[in-house]
C-alpha atoms as a PDB file:
ATOM      1  CA  MET A   1      37.377 -65.892  19.435  1.00  0.00           C
ATOM      2  CA  THR A   2      35.631 -68.786  17.672  1.00  0.00           C
ATOM      3  CA  VAL A   3      33.826 -68.262  14.075  1.00  0.00           C
ATOM      4  CA  ARG A   4      30.452 -67.930  15.946  1.00  0.00           C
ATOM      5  CA  GLY A   5      31.875 -64.741  17.886  1.00  0.00           C
ATOM      6  CA  LEU A   6      32.948 -63.420  14.840  1.00  0.00           C
ATOM      7  CA  ARG A   7      29.723 -63.590  12.886  1.00  0.00           C
ATOM      8  CA  PHE A   8      27.962 -61.867  15.726  1.00  0.00           C
ATOM      9  CA  LEU A   9      30.698 -59.148  16.042  1.00  0.00           C
ATOM     10  CA  ALA A  10      31.029 -58.114  12.617  1.00  0.00           C
ATOM     11  CA  PRO A  11      27.202 -56.262  12.252  1.00  0.00           C
ATOM     12  CA  GLY A  12      28.188 -54.353  15.382  1.00  0.00           C
ATOM     13  CA  LEU A  13      31.594 -52.930  13.774  1.00  0.00           C
ATOM     14  CA  LEU A  14      29.773 -52.080  10.768  1.00  0.00           C
ATOM     15  CA  LEU A  15      26.910 -50.375  12.515  1.00  0.00           C
ATOM     16  CA  ALA A  16      29.461 -48.471  14.709  1.00  0.00           C
ATOM     17  CA  TRP A  17      31.370 -47.431  11.295  1.00  0.00           C
ATOM     18  CA  HIS A  18      28.646 -45.719   9.951  1.00  0.00           C
ATOM     19  CA  VAL A  19      27.603 -43.968  13.031  1.00  0.00           C
ATOM     20  CA  VAL A  20      31.445 -42.649  13.287  1.00  0.00           C
ATOM     21  CA  ALA A  21      31.300 -41.686   9.791  1.00  0.00           C
ATOM     22  CA  GLY A  22      28.250 -39.848   9.892  1.00  0.00           C
ATOM     23  CA  ALA A  23      29.202 -37.886  12.806  1.00  0.00           C
ATOM     24  CA  ALA A  24      32.294 -37.028  10.885  1.00  0.00           C
ATOM     25  CA  THR A  25      30.085 -35.158   7.870  1.00  0.00           C
ATOM     26  CA  PRO A  26      29.335 -31.720   9.289  1.00  0.00           C
ATOM     27  CA  ALA A  27      25.767 -30.730   9.203  1.00  0.00           C
ATOM     28  CA  THR A  28      25.660 -28.331   5.672  1.00  0.00           C
ATOM     29  CA  VAL A  29      23.368 -24.748   6.669  1.00  0.00           C
ATOM     30  CA  PRO A  30      21.960 -23.630   3.034  1.00  0.00           C
ATOM     31  CA  ASP A  31      23.773 -20.245   2.655  1.00  0.00           C
ATOM     32  CA  THR A  32      20.113 -18.411   1.584  1.00  0.00           C
ATOM     33  CA  ILE A  33      19.257 -14.845   2.372  1.00  0.00           C
ATOM     34  CA  GLU A  34      16.125 -16.728   4.803  1.00  0.00           C
ATOM     35  CA  GLN A  35      19.031 -18.418   6.530  1.00  0.00           C
ATOM     36  CA  ARG A  36      20.879 -15.174   7.002  1.00  0.00           C
ATOM     37  CA  VAL A  37      18.258 -13.126   8.433  1.00  0.00           C
ATOM     38  CA  ALA A  38      16.903 -16.143  10.871  1.00  0.00           C
ATOM     39  CA  ALA A  39      18.619 -14.093  13.736  1.00  0.00           C
ATOM     40  CA  CYS A  40      16.505 -11.133  12.940  1.00  0.00           C
ATOM     41  CA  ILE A  41      13.134 -12.260  12.814  1.00  0.00           C
ATOM     42  CA  ALA A  42      13.577 -13.554  16.392  1.00  0.00           C
ATOM     43  CA  CYS A  43      13.203  -9.894  17.600  1.00  0.00           C
ATOM     44  CA  HIS A  44      11.644  -8.207  14.442  1.00  0.00           C
ATOM     45  CA  GLY A  45       9.154 -10.307  13.970  1.00  0.00           C
ATOM     46  CA  ARG A  46       8.173 -12.740  11.336  1.00  0.00           C
ATOM     47  CA  GLU A  47       9.773 -11.295   7.938  1.00  0.00           C
ATOM     48  CA  GLY A  48      10.619  -7.942   9.738  1.00  0.00           C
ATOM     49  CA  ALA A  49       6.663  -7.125  10.498  1.00  0.00           C
ATOM     50  CA  THR A  50       6.737  -6.672  13.704  1.00  0.00           C
ATOM     51  CA  SER A  51       3.560  -4.676  15.401  1.00  0.00           C
ATOM     52  CA  ASN A  52       3.828  -1.324  16.916  1.00  0.00           C
ATOM     53  CA  ALA A  53       2.711  -2.815  20.090  1.00  0.00           C
ATOM     54  CA  GLY A  54       6.273  -3.802  21.492  1.00  0.00           C
ATOM     55  CA  TYR A  55       9.618  -2.113  21.364  1.00  0.00           C
ATOM     56  CA  PHE A  56      11.187  -3.849  18.130  1.00  0.00           C
ATOM     57  CA  PRO A  57      11.131  -1.442  15.000  1.00  0.00           C
ATOM     58  CA  ARG A  58       9.378  -2.556  11.917  1.00  0.00           C
ATOM     59  CA  LEU A  59      12.235  -3.535   8.920  1.00  0.00           C
ATOM     60  CA  ALA A  60       9.944  -4.890   6.212  1.00  0.00           C
ATOM     61  CA  GLY A  61       9.908  -1.953   3.602  1.00  0.00           C
ATOM     62  CA  LYS A  62      11.981   0.298   4.864  1.00  0.00           C
ATOM     63  CA  PRO A  63      14.159   2.337   2.471  1.00  0.00           C
ATOM     64  CA  ALA A  64      17.351  -0.015   1.898  1.00  0.00           C
ATOM     65  CA  GLY A  65      19.913   2.660   2.243  1.00  0.00           C
ATOM     66  CA  TYR A  66      18.570   3.649   5.929  1.00  0.00           C
ATOM     67  CA  LEU A  67      18.598  -0.148   6.912  1.00  0.00           C
ATOM     68  CA  TYR A  68      21.939  -0.235   5.499  1.00  0.00           C
ATOM     69  CA  ASN A  69      23.076   2.825   7.566  1.00  0.00           C
ATOM     70  CA  GLN A  70      21.778   1.567  10.788  1.00  0.00           C
ATOM     71  CA  LEU A  71      23.567  -2.131  10.024  1.00  0.00           C
ATOM     72  CA  VAL A  72      26.700  -0.443   9.382  1.00  0.00           C
ATOM     73  CA  SER A  73      26.068   1.892  12.600  1.00  0.00           C
ATOM     74  CA  PHE A  74      26.081  -0.586  14.992  1.00  0.00           C
ATOM     75  CA  ARG A  75      29.026  -2.292  13.295  1.00  0.00           C
ATOM     76  CA  ASP A  76      31.029   0.686  13.683  1.00  0.00           C
ATOM     77  CA  GLY A  77      30.094   1.865  16.908  1.00  0.00           C
ATOM     78  CA  ARG A  78      27.819   4.995  16.078  1.00  0.00           C
ATOM     79  CA  ARG A  79      24.527   3.228  17.478  1.00  0.00           C
ATOM     80  CA  PHE A  80      24.671   1.184  20.784  1.00  0.00           C
ATOM     81  CA  ASN A  81      22.808  -2.094  21.250  1.00  0.00           C
ATOM     82  CA  THR A  82      24.887  -5.129  22.594  1.00  0.00           C
ATOM     83  CA  ASP A  83      22.737  -7.374  20.810  1.00  0.00           C
ATOM     84  CA  MET A  84      23.000  -6.131  17.327  1.00  0.00           C
ATOM     85  CA  ALA A  85      26.505  -4.915  17.600  1.00  0.00           C
ATOM     86  CA  TYR A  86      27.474  -8.549  18.564  1.00  0.00           C
ATOM     87  CA  MET A  87      25.948 -10.273  15.153  1.00  0.00           C
ATOM     88  CA  VAL A  88      27.284  -7.658  12.825  1.00  0.00           C
ATOM     89  CA  GLN A  89      30.740  -7.017  14.237  1.00  0.00           C
ATOM     90  CA  HIS A  90      32.157  -9.362  11.480  1.00  0.00           C
ATOM     91  CA  MET A  91      29.754  -8.592   8.448  1.00  0.00           C
ATOM     92  CA  SER A  92      30.964  -6.811   5.543  1.00  0.00           C
ATOM     93  CA  ASP A  93      29.582  -3.980   3.890  1.00  0.00           C
ATOM     94  CA  ALA A  94      28.500  -6.552   0.979  1.00  0.00           C
ATOM     95  CA  TYR A  95      26.527  -8.522   3.269  1.00  0.00           C
ATOM     96  CA  LEU A  96      24.891  -6.199   5.384  1.00  0.00           C
ATOM     97  CA  ARG A  97      23.741  -4.636   2.067  1.00  0.00           C
ATOM     98  CA  GLU A  98      21.924  -8.054   1.124  1.00  0.00           C
ATOM     99  CA  ILE A  99      20.181  -7.898   4.455  1.00  0.00           C
ATOM    100  CA  ALA A 100      18.867  -4.362   3.813  1.00  0.00           C
ATOM    101  CA  ASP A 101      17.648  -4.932   0.127  1.00  0.00           C
ATOM    102  CA  TYR A 102      16.036  -8.358   1.507  1.00  0.00           C
ATOM    103  CA  PHE A 103      13.782  -6.233   4.080  1.00  0.00           C
ATOM    104  CA  ALA A 104      13.563  -3.204   2.147  1.00  0.00           C
ATOM    105  CA  GLY A 105      11.585  -5.479  -0.671  1.00  0.00           C
ATOM    106  CA  LEU A 106       9.045  -7.039   1.299  1.00  0.00           C
ATOM    107  CA  ASP A 107       5.845  -5.345   0.853  1.00  0.00           C
ATOM    108  CA  LEU A 108       3.823  -6.852   3.756  1.00  0.00           C
ATOM    109  CA  PRO A 109       0.535  -5.219   5.394  1.00  0.00           C
ATOM    110  CA  TYR A 110       0.880  -3.135   8.390  1.00  0.00           C
ATOM    111  CA  PRO A 111      -0.998  -4.525  11.627  1.00  0.00           C
ATOM    112  CA  PRO A 112      -4.205  -1.871  12.796  1.00  0.00           C
ATOM    113  CA  VAL A 113      -2.795   0.449  14.841  1.00  0.00           C
ATOM    114  CA  SER A 114      -4.984   1.314  18.088  1.00  0.00           C
ATOM    115  CA  PRO A 115      -5.409   4.869  18.574  1.00  0.00           C
ATOM    116  CA  ALA A 116      -5.734   4.891  22.250  1.00  0.00           C
ATOM    117  CA  SER A 117      -3.104   6.061  24.567  1.00  0.00           C
ATOM    118  CA  ASP A 118      -2.553   6.994  27.974  1.00  0.00           C
ATOM    119  CA  ALA A 119      -1.244  10.870  26.824  1.00  0.00           C
ATOM    120  CA  THR A 120      -3.212  13.470  27.818  1.00  0.00           C
ATOM    121  CA  PRO A 121      -4.784  15.403  24.986  1.00  0.00           C
ATOM    122  CA  GLU A 122      -2.563  18.206  25.398  1.00  0.00           C
ATOM    123  CA  VAL A 123       0.260  16.150  24.855  1.00  0.00           C
ATOM    124  CA  LEU A 124      -0.858  14.731  21.639  1.00  0.00           C
ATOM    125  CA  ALA A 125      -2.041  18.230  20.575  1.00  0.00           C
ATOM    126  CA  ARG A 126       1.814  19.026  21.213  1.00  0.00           C
ATOM    127  CA  GLY A 127       3.127  16.097  19.199  1.00  0.00           C
ATOM    128  CA  ARG A 128       1.023  16.276  16.475  1.00  0.00           C
ATOM    129  CA  THR A 129       2.275  20.188  16.079  1.00  0.00           C
ATOM    130  CA  LEU A 130       6.028  19.163  16.607  1.00  0.00           C
ATOM    131  CA  ALA A 131       5.205  16.449  13.783  1.00  0.00           C
ATOM    132  CA  LEU A 132       3.243  18.622  11.247  1.00  0.00           C
ATOM    133  CA  GLN A 133       4.729  22.370  11.882  1.00  0.00           C
ATOM    134  CA  GLY A 134       7.918  22.001  14.016  1.00  0.00           C
ATOM    135  CA  ASP A 135       8.563  24.750  16.568  1.00  0.00           C
ATOM    136  CA  PRO A 136      10.267  27.662  14.562  1.00  0.00           C
ATOM    137  CA  ALA A 137      11.034  29.444  17.165  1.00  0.00           C
ATOM    138  CA  ARG A 138      13.465  26.948  18.474  1.00  0.00           C
ATOM    139  CA  ARG A 139      14.660  26.265  14.650  1.00  0.00           C
ATOM    140  CA  LEU A 140      13.289  22.788  15.162  1.00  0.00           C
ATOM    141  CA  PRO A 141      12.049  21.203  11.942  1.00  0.00           C
ATOM    142  CA  ALA A 142       8.630  19.806  11.504  1.00  0.00           C
ATOM    143  CA  CYS A 143       9.108  15.589  11.219  1.00  0.00           C
ATOM    144  CA  VAL A 144       7.246  15.752   8.070  1.00  0.00           C
ATOM    145  CA  GLN A 145       9.863  18.009   6.504  1.00  0.00           C
ATOM    146  CA  CYS A 146      12.382  14.952   6.281  1.00  0.00           C
ATOM    147  CA  HIS A 147      10.376  12.224   6.392  1.00  0.00           C
ATOM    148  CA  GLY A 148       7.953  12.867   3.879  1.00  0.00           C
ATOM    149  CA  ALA A 149       4.254  14.512   4.075  1.00  0.00           C
ATOM    150  CA  ALA A 150       2.838  11.039   4.771  1.00  0.00           C
ATOM    151  CA  LEU A 151       5.328  10.115   7.273  1.00  0.00           C
ATOM    152  CA  THR A 152       6.257   6.842   5.880  1.00  0.00           C
ATOM    153  CA  GLY A 153       9.840   7.835   4.855  1.00  0.00           C
ATOM    154  CA  VAL A 154      11.905   8.756   1.589  1.00  0.00           C
ATOM    155  CA  GLN A 155      14.024   7.030  -0.506  1.00  0.00           C
ATOM    156  CA  PRO A 156      17.041   6.481  -0.624  1.00  0.00           C
ATOM    157  CA  ALA A 157      17.336   6.345   3.170  1.00  0.00           C
ATOM    158  CA  THR A 158      15.264   8.286   5.666  1.00  0.00           C
ATOM    159  CA  PRO A 159      12.736   6.170   7.491  1.00  0.00           C
ATOM    160  CA  GLY A 160       8.871   6.425   7.994  1.00  0.00           C
ATOM    161  CA  LEU A 161       7.860   7.125  11.714  1.00  0.00           C
ATOM    162  CA  LEU A 162       4.496   5.367  11.556  1.00  0.00           C
ATOM    163  CA  GLY A 163       3.844   1.711  12.528  1.00  0.00           C
ATOM    164  CA  LEU A 164       6.663   1.913  15.193  1.00  0.00           C
ATOM    165  CA  PRO A 165       6.199   1.431  19.056  1.00  0.00           C
ATOM    166  CA  ARG A 166       5.931   4.601  21.127  1.00  0.00           C
ATOM    167  CA  LEU A 167       8.543   2.869  23.413  1.00  0.00           C
ATOM    168  CA  TYR A 168      11.150   2.702  20.546  1.00  0.00           C
ATOM    169  CA  LEU A 169      10.361   6.131  19.257  1.00  0.00           C
ATOM    170  CA  SER A 170      10.353   7.840  22.734  1.00  0.00           C
ATOM    171  CA  SER A 171      13.990   5.669  23.176  1.00  0.00           C
ATOM    172  CA  GLN A 172      15.665   6.773  19.886  1.00  0.00           C
ATOM    173  CA  LEU A 173      14.472  10.437  20.347  1.00  0.00           C
ATOM    174  CA  GLY A 174      15.770  10.333  23.751  1.00  0.00           C
ATOM    175  CA  ALA A 175      19.375   8.937  22.413  1.00  0.00           C
ATOM    176  CA  TRP A 176      19.539  11.762  19.921  1.00  0.00           C
ATOM    177  CA  LEU A 177      18.749  14.105  22.759  1.00  0.00           C
ATOM    178  CA  THR A 178      21.466  12.567  25.061  1.00  0.00           C
ATOM    179  CA  SER A 179      23.969  12.347  22.055  1.00  0.00           C
ATOM    180  CA  GLU A 180      24.110   8.753  22.881  1.00  0.00           C
ATOM    181  CA  ARG A 181      22.929   7.761  19.012  1.00  0.00           C
ATOM    182  CA  HIS A 182      24.977   9.031  16.054  1.00  0.00           C
ATOM    183  CA  ALA A 183      25.099   8.864  12.554  1.00  0.00           C
ATOM    184  CA  GLN A 184      27.003   9.884   9.342  1.00  0.00           C
ATOM    185  CA  ALA A 185      28.050  13.410   9.068  1.00  0.00           C
ATOM    186  CA  PRO A 186      26.446  15.777   9.141  1.00  0.00           C
ATOM    187  CA  ASP A 187      24.390  14.564  11.564  1.00  0.00           C
ATOM    188  CA  CYS A 188      21.043  16.020  11.416  1.00  0.00           C
ATOM    189  CA  MET A 189      19.014  13.850  13.965  1.00  0.00           C
ATOM    190  CA  ALA A 190      21.750  15.054  16.558  1.00  0.00           C
ATOM    191  CA  GLU A 191      21.138  18.424  15.725  1.00  0.00           C
ATOM    192  CA  VAL A 192      17.494  18.134  16.171  1.00  0.00           C
ATOM    193  CA  GLY A 193      18.032  16.165  19.200  1.00  0.00           C
ATOM    194  CA  ARG A 194      19.838  19.374  20.954  1.00  0.00           C
ATOM    195  CA  ARG A 195      16.902  20.878  20.143  1.00  0.00           C
ATOM    196  CA  MET A 196      14.555  19.338  22.086  1.00  0.00           C
ATOM    197  CA  GLN A 197      13.317  18.917  25.564  1.00  0.00           C
ATOM    198  CA  THR A 198      12.470  15.492  27.162  1.00  0.00           C
ATOM    199  CA  SER A 199       8.488  16.686  27.042  1.00  0.00           C
ATOM    200  CA  ASP A 200       8.985  17.127  22.877  1.00  0.00           C
ATOM    201  CA  VAL A 201      10.242  13.557  22.771  1.00  0.00           C
ATOM    202  CA  ASN A 202       7.006  12.128  24.749  1.00  0.00           C
ATOM    203  CA  ALA A 203       4.619  14.118  22.868  1.00  0.00           C
ATOM    204  CA  VAL A 204       5.663  13.335  19.273  1.00  0.00           C
ATOM    205  CA  ALA A 205       6.203   9.696  20.179  1.00  0.00           C
ATOM    206  CA  SER A 206       2.918   9.174  21.571  1.00  0.00           C
ATOM    207  CA  TRP A 207       1.409  11.161  18.623  1.00  0.00           C
ATOM    208  CA  LEU A 208       3.085   9.302  16.055  1.00  0.00           C
ATOM    209  CA  ALA A 209       2.241   5.978  17.728  1.00  0.00           C
ATOM    210  CA  THR A 210      -1.468   6.456  17.175  1.00  0.00           C
ATOM    211  CA  GLN A 211      -1.556   7.334  13.777  1.00  0.00           C
ATOM    212  CA  PRO A 212      -2.937   4.960  11.078  1.00  0.00           C
ATOM    213  CA  MET A 213      -0.723   3.766   8.256  1.00  0.00           C
ATOM    214  CA  PRO A 214      -1.845   5.540   4.760  1.00  0.00           C
ATOM    215  CA  ALA A 215      -3.301   3.255   2.182  1.00  0.00           C
ATOM    216  CA  ASP A 216      -0.269   3.730   0.489  1.00  0.00           C
ATOM    217  CA  ALA A 217       2.297   2.992   3.350  1.00  0.00           C
ATOM    218  CA  LYS A 218       5.816   2.603   0.772  1.00  0.00           C
ATOM    219  CA  PRO A 219       8.463   5.725   1.230  1.00  0.00           C
ATOM    220  CA  ALA A 220       7.733   8.541  -1.012  1.00  0.00           C
ATOM    221  CA  ALA A 221      10.304   8.812  -4.147  1.00  0.00           C
ATOM    222  CA  SER A 222      11.554  12.320  -3.147  1.00  0.00           C
ATOM    223  CA  LEU A 223      10.583  15.407  -0.726  1.00  0.00           C
ATOM    224  CA  PRO A 224       9.056  18.324  -2.632  1.00  0.00           C
ATOM    225  CA  ALA A 225      11.640  20.836  -0.992  1.00  0.00           C
ATOM    226  CA  PRO A 226      14.999  20.504  -0.311  1.00  0.00           C
ATOM    227  CA  MET A 227      15.464  19.471   3.531  1.00  0.00           C
ATOM    228  CA  PRO A 228      15.799  22.104   6.460  1.00  0.00           C
ATOM    229  CA  ILE A 229      18.837  20.994   7.612  1.00  0.00           C
ATOM    230  CA  ALA A 230      21.926  19.051   6.020  1.00  0.00           C
ATOM    231  CA  CYS A 231      22.152  15.234   6.732  1.00  0.00           C
ATOM    232  CA  GLY A 232      24.484  13.134   5.737  1.00  0.00           C
ATOM    233  CA  GLY A 233      22.706   9.887   6.405  1.00  0.00           C
ATOM    234  CA  THR A 234      19.996  10.528   3.791  1.00  0.00           C
ATOM    235  CA  THR A 235      22.098   9.255   0.675  1.00  0.00           C
ATOM    236  CA  GLY A 236      22.205   5.608   1.788  1.00  0.00           C
ATOM    237  CA  ALA A 237      26.163   5.341   1.294  1.00  0.00           C
ATOM    238  CA  ASN A 238      27.003   5.210   5.165  1.00  0.00           C
ATOM    239  CA  LYS A 239      30.808   4.577   5.370  1.00  0.00           C
END
């Protein structure tokens, strides 16, 4: 090869070397909590603040203990969802607690709730009775006895029931009724589910989904009275 040929070949070799060197350097992904929860917001909405018009539940502002318990339950097989189980199957308790704490710390406004419903007035009235008074004849406690007078949840690990899609509420209550969902023992919601009927699930889910959020939508600090049924998942220390 002539000297002139080498002169033209050298820049090409130098460029190729830079391309190879660049390809050998792996792209770095920042290890931030925002990066860790990026997969969550794909379904649960921006910053976990989904509306109540679809299926996926809101994460923002829920008690940290509740969120942590659910992540552990998906990982350990007490709750069943293919996507959730796949994402958390190899995550440690500490990692899951970080995610739970992040979403619990978000203080975001709830979107307006539409009072419209295709449920009949009779069904909505039955749902209201179950939520606020329960059904003593069947030893069915009222929702407010465990989830707080405002139904916005109770610290450290009882979730709020307002601002959630009806489809999500009915599917979860239905899963308790059919023993497809489980929680830390003593499994209070499994006990409640066994006392419910399909019509109860539809009624209470329909009523809850139409209720406006109170001005203070944060979980209550505590309940005014002991829970009517032993509940192992309310401590935020799921194992």
